[in-house]
Amino acid sequence: MNLVPVQAEFLLHVGELVKFATSLGWFVTGGELWRTPEQQALHVQAGRSKTMKSQHLKRLAIDLNFIGKGGHPCYSAAELEPIGTHWESLHPLNRWGGHFSTFKDVPHFERLES
């Protein structure tokens, strides 16, 4: 399967998400987009991820940093709920880590390829 069209649409949606969050008063900075299998294994070993099947390996996930007006990063799913909900409204295959049931990953935004 050629992932390039899916990756391109995903990145366009990331741009829309950043604009939306900015309109709500957040400063948004980038985190990880692509990971090698070796990097992913380190994240699993450190407990920052639970899977070796991460969408980061396919360039279909990004971790974003949301900074409030006071300059402090936010990791609260409740505070970022409108952003996560907006992300999921952009495409039916978009998922926000703040809605994951077992491992909450608030900075994480991903696209399933199908």
C-alpha atoms as a PDB file:
ATOM      1  CA  MET A   1       0.000   0.000   0.000  1.00  0.00           C
ATOM      2  CA  ASN A   2       1.323   3.426  -0.943  1.00  0.00           C
ATOM      3  CA  LEU A   3       1.130   5.504   2.220  1.00  0.00           C
ATOM      4  CA  VAL A   4       2.214   8.807   0.638  1.00  0.00           C
ATOM      5  CA  PRO A   5      -1.321  10.131  -0.050  1.00  0.00           C
ATOM      6  CA  VAL A   6      -2.406   9.169   3.476  1.00  0.00           C
ATOM      7  CA  GLN A   7       0.728  10.743   4.995  1.00  0.00           C
ATOM      8  CA  ALA A   8       0.149  13.928   3.007  1.00  0.00           C
ATOM      9  CA  GLU A   9      -3.480  14.233   4.109  1.00  0.00           C
ATOM     10  CA  PHE A  10      -2.449  13.482   7.711  1.00  0.00           C
ATOM     11  CA  LEU A  11       0.065  16.329   7.648  1.00  0.00           C
ATOM     12  CA  LEU A  12      -2.532  18.731   6.206  1.00  0.00           C
ATOM     13  CA  HIS A  13      -4.802  17.799   9.100  1.00  0.00           C
ATOM     14  CA  VAL A  14      -1.949  18.429  11.549  1.00  0.00           C
ATOM     15  CA  GLY A  15      -1.695  21.943  10.101  1.00  0.00           C
ATOM     16  CA  GLU A  16      -5.438  22.452  10.590  1.00  0.00           C
ATOM     17  CA  LEU A  17      -5.148  21.168  14.158  1.00  0.00           C
ATOM     18  CA  VAL A  18      -2.328  23.576  14.989  1.00  0.00           C
ATOM     19  CA  LYS A  19      -4.357  26.495  13.619  1.00  0.00           C
ATOM     20  CA  PHE A  20      -7.396  25.403  15.620  1.00  0.00           C
ATOM     21  CA  ALA A  21      -5.432  25.048  18.867  1.00  0.00           C
ATOM     22  CA  THR A  22      -3.771  28.417  18.272  1.00  0.00           C
ATOM     23  CA  SER A  23      -7.199  30.003  17.826  1.00  0.00           C
ATOM     24  CA  LEU A  24      -8.067  28.689  21.306  1.00  0.00           C
ATOM     25  CA  GLY A  25      -5.049  30.461  22.775  1.00  0.00           C
ATOM     26  CA  TRP A  26      -2.502  27.639  22.884  1.00  0.00           C
ATOM     27  CA  PHE A  27       1.074  27.810  21.698  1.00  0.00           C
ATOM     28  CA  VAL A  28       1.816  24.575  19.832  1.00  0.00           C
ATOM     29  CA  THR A  29       5.281  23.163  19.258  1.00  0.00           C
ATOM     30  CA  GLY A  30       6.262  19.994  17.473  1.00  0.00           C
ATOM     31  CA  GLY A  31       7.412  16.757  18.977  1.00  0.00           C
ATOM     32  CA  GLU A  32       8.103  13.454  17.301  1.00  0.00           C
ATOM     33  CA  LEU A  33       6.623  12.589  13.929  1.00  0.00           C
ATOM     34  CA  TRP A  34       8.694   9.711  12.555  1.00  0.00           C
ATOM     35  CA  ARG A  35      10.457   7.055  14.592  1.00  0.00           C
ATOM     36  CA  THR A  36      12.791   4.282  13.559  1.00  0.00           C
ATOM     37  CA  PRO A  37      12.074   0.803  14.922  1.00  0.00           C
ATOM     38  CA  GLU A  38      15.077   1.271  17.238  1.00  0.00           C
ATOM     39  CA  GLN A  39      13.638   4.524  18.622  1.00  0.00           C
ATOM     40  CA  GLN A  40      10.245   2.884  19.101  1.00  0.00           C
ATOM     41  CA  ALA A  41      11.838   0.004  20.999  1.00  0.00           C
ATOM     42  CA  LEU A  42      13.452   2.533  23.355  1.00  0.00           C
ATOM     43  CA  HIS A  43      10.061   4.183  23.947  1.00  0.00           C
ATOM     44  CA  VAL A  44       8.528   0.784  24.754  1.00  0.00           C
ATOM     45  CA  GLN A  45      11.388  -0.097  27.116  1.00  0.00           C
ATOM     46  CA  ALA A  46      11.004   3.246  28.907  1.00  0.00           C
ATOM     47  CA  GLY A  47       7.227   2.822  29.243  1.00  0.00           C
ATOM     48  CA  ARG A  48       6.421   5.796  26.984  1.00  0.00           C
ATOM     49  CA  SER A  49       4.719   3.477  24.488  1.00  0.00           C
ATOM     50  CA  LYS A  50       3.034   0.092  24.735  1.00  0.00           C
ATOM     51  CA  THR A  51       3.469  -1.152  21.174  1.00  0.00           C
ATOM     52  CA  MET A  52       5.955  -1.777  18.417  1.00  0.00           C
ATOM     53  CA  LYS A  53       3.122  -1.152  15.937  1.00  0.00           C
ATOM     54  CA  SER A  54       3.107   2.614  16.433  1.00  0.00           C
ATOM     55  CA  GLN A  55       1.803   4.834  13.660  1.00  0.00           C
ATOM     56  CA  HIS A  56       4.985   6.900  14.183  1.00  0.00           C
ATOM     57  CA  LEU A  57       6.814   4.136  12.292  1.00  0.00           C
ATOM     58  CA  LYS A  58       4.636   4.984   9.253  1.00  0.00           C
ATOM     59  CA  ARG A  59       4.827   8.782   9.621  1.00  0.00           C
ATOM     60  CA  LEU A  60       1.142   8.747  10.562  1.00  0.00           C
ATOM     61  CA  ALA A  61       1.443  10.015  14.138  1.00  0.00           C
ATOM     62  CA  ILE A  62       2.776  13.129  15.781  1.00  0.00           C
ATOM     63  CA  ASP A  63       3.273  14.232  19.344  1.00  0.00           C
ATOM     64  CA  LEU A  64       2.532  17.915  19.899  1.00  0.00           C
ATOM     65  CA  ASN A  65       3.299  20.170  22.839  1.00  0.00           C
ATOM     66  CA  PHE A  66       0.548  22.508  24.040  1.00  0.00           C
ATOM     67  CA  ILE A  67       1.832  25.486  25.982  1.00  0.00           C
ATOM     68  CA  GLY A  68      -0.548  27.767  27.885  1.00  0.00           C
ATOM     69  CA  LYS A  69      -0.256  31.543  28.178  1.00  0.00           C
ATOM     70  CA  GLY A  70       1.778  31.126  31.386  1.00  0.00           C
ATOM     71  CA  GLY A  71       4.428  29.203  29.473  1.00  0.00           C
ATOM     72  CA  HIS A  72       3.659  25.827  31.049  1.00  0.00           C
ATOM     73  CA  PRO A  73       3.056  22.651  29.027  1.00  0.00           C
ATOM     74  CA  CYS A  74      -0.353  21.021  29.370  1.00  0.00           C
ATOM     75  CA  TYR A  75      -0.848  17.255  29.589  1.00  0.00           C
ATOM     76  CA  SER A  76      -4.428  17.355  30.844  1.00  0.00           C
ATOM     77  CA  ALA A  77      -6.838  15.358  28.691  1.00  0.00           C
ATOM     78  CA  ALA A  78      -9.722  17.391  30.105  1.00  0.00           C
ATOM     79  CA  GLU A  79      -8.160  20.713  29.112  1.00  0.00           C
ATOM     80  CA  LEU A  80      -7.191  19.478  25.652  1.00  0.00           C
ATOM     81  CA  GLU A  81     -10.476  17.637  25.002  1.00  0.00           C
ATOM     82  CA  PRO A  82     -11.745  20.255  22.487  1.00  0.00           C
ATOM     83  CA  ILE A  83      -8.520  19.859  20.501  1.00  0.00           C
ATOM     84  CA  GLY A  84      -8.685  16.062  20.551  1.00  0.00           C
ATOM     85  CA  THR A  85     -12.336  16.098  19.529  1.00  0.00           C
ATOM     86  CA  HIS A  86     -11.558  18.516  16.701  1.00  0.00           C
ATOM     87  CA  TRP A  87      -8.758  16.233  15.498  1.00  0.00           C
ATOM     88  CA  GLU A  88     -11.083  13.256  15.358  1.00  0.00           C
ATOM     89  CA  SER A  89     -13.695  15.313  13.492  1.00  0.00           C
ATOM     90  CA  LEU A  90     -11.265  15.988  10.630  1.00  0.00           C
ATOM     91  CA  HIS A  91     -11.317  12.367   9.426  1.00  0.00           C
ATOM     92  CA  PRO A  92     -12.973   9.148  10.669  1.00  0.00           C
ATOM     93  CA  LEU A  93      -9.558   7.435  10.894  1.00  0.00           C
ATOM     94  CA  ASN A  94      -7.978  10.167  13.055  1.00  0.00           C
ATOM     95  CA  ARG A  95      -7.457   9.166  16.689  1.00  0.00           C
ATOM     96  CA  TRP A  96      -6.334  11.203  19.678  1.00  0.00           C
ATOM     97  CA  GLY A  97      -4.265   9.590  22.437  1.00  0.00           C
ATOM     98  CA  GLY A  98      -6.304  11.366  25.105  1.00  0.00           C
ATOM     99  CA  HIS A  99      -9.219   9.111  24.127  1.00  0.00           C
ATOM    100  CA  PHE A 100      -7.219   5.863  24.338  1.00  0.00           C
ATOM    101  CA  SER A 101      -8.826   3.586  26.901  1.00  0.00           C
ATOM    102  CA  THR A 102      -5.820   1.884  28.481  1.00  0.00           C
ATOM    103  CA  PHE A 103      -2.809   4.121  27.902  1.00  0.00           C
ATOM    104  CA  LYS A 104      -3.635   7.833  27.792  1.00  0.00           C
ATOM    105  CA  ASP A 105      -1.196   9.631  25.497  1.00  0.00           C
ATOM    106  CA  VAL A 106      -2.481  13.207  25.505  1.00  0.00           C
ATOM    107  CA  PRO A 107       0.150  14.757  23.163  1.00  0.00           C
ATOM    108  CA  HIS A 108      -0.398  12.003  20.550  1.00  0.00           C
ATOM    109  CA  PHE A 109      -2.407  12.442  17.341  1.00  0.00           C
ATOM    110  CA  GLU A 110      -2.525   9.701  14.731  1.00  0.00           C
ATOM    111  CA  ARG A 111      -4.177   8.503  11.541  1.00  0.00           C
ATOM    112  CA  LEU A 112      -4.988   4.882  10.837  1.00  0.00           C
ATOM    113  CA  GLU A 113      -4.271   3.993   7.234  1.00  0.00           C
ATOM    114  CA  SER A 114      -7.507   2.020   6.754  1.00  0.00           C
END
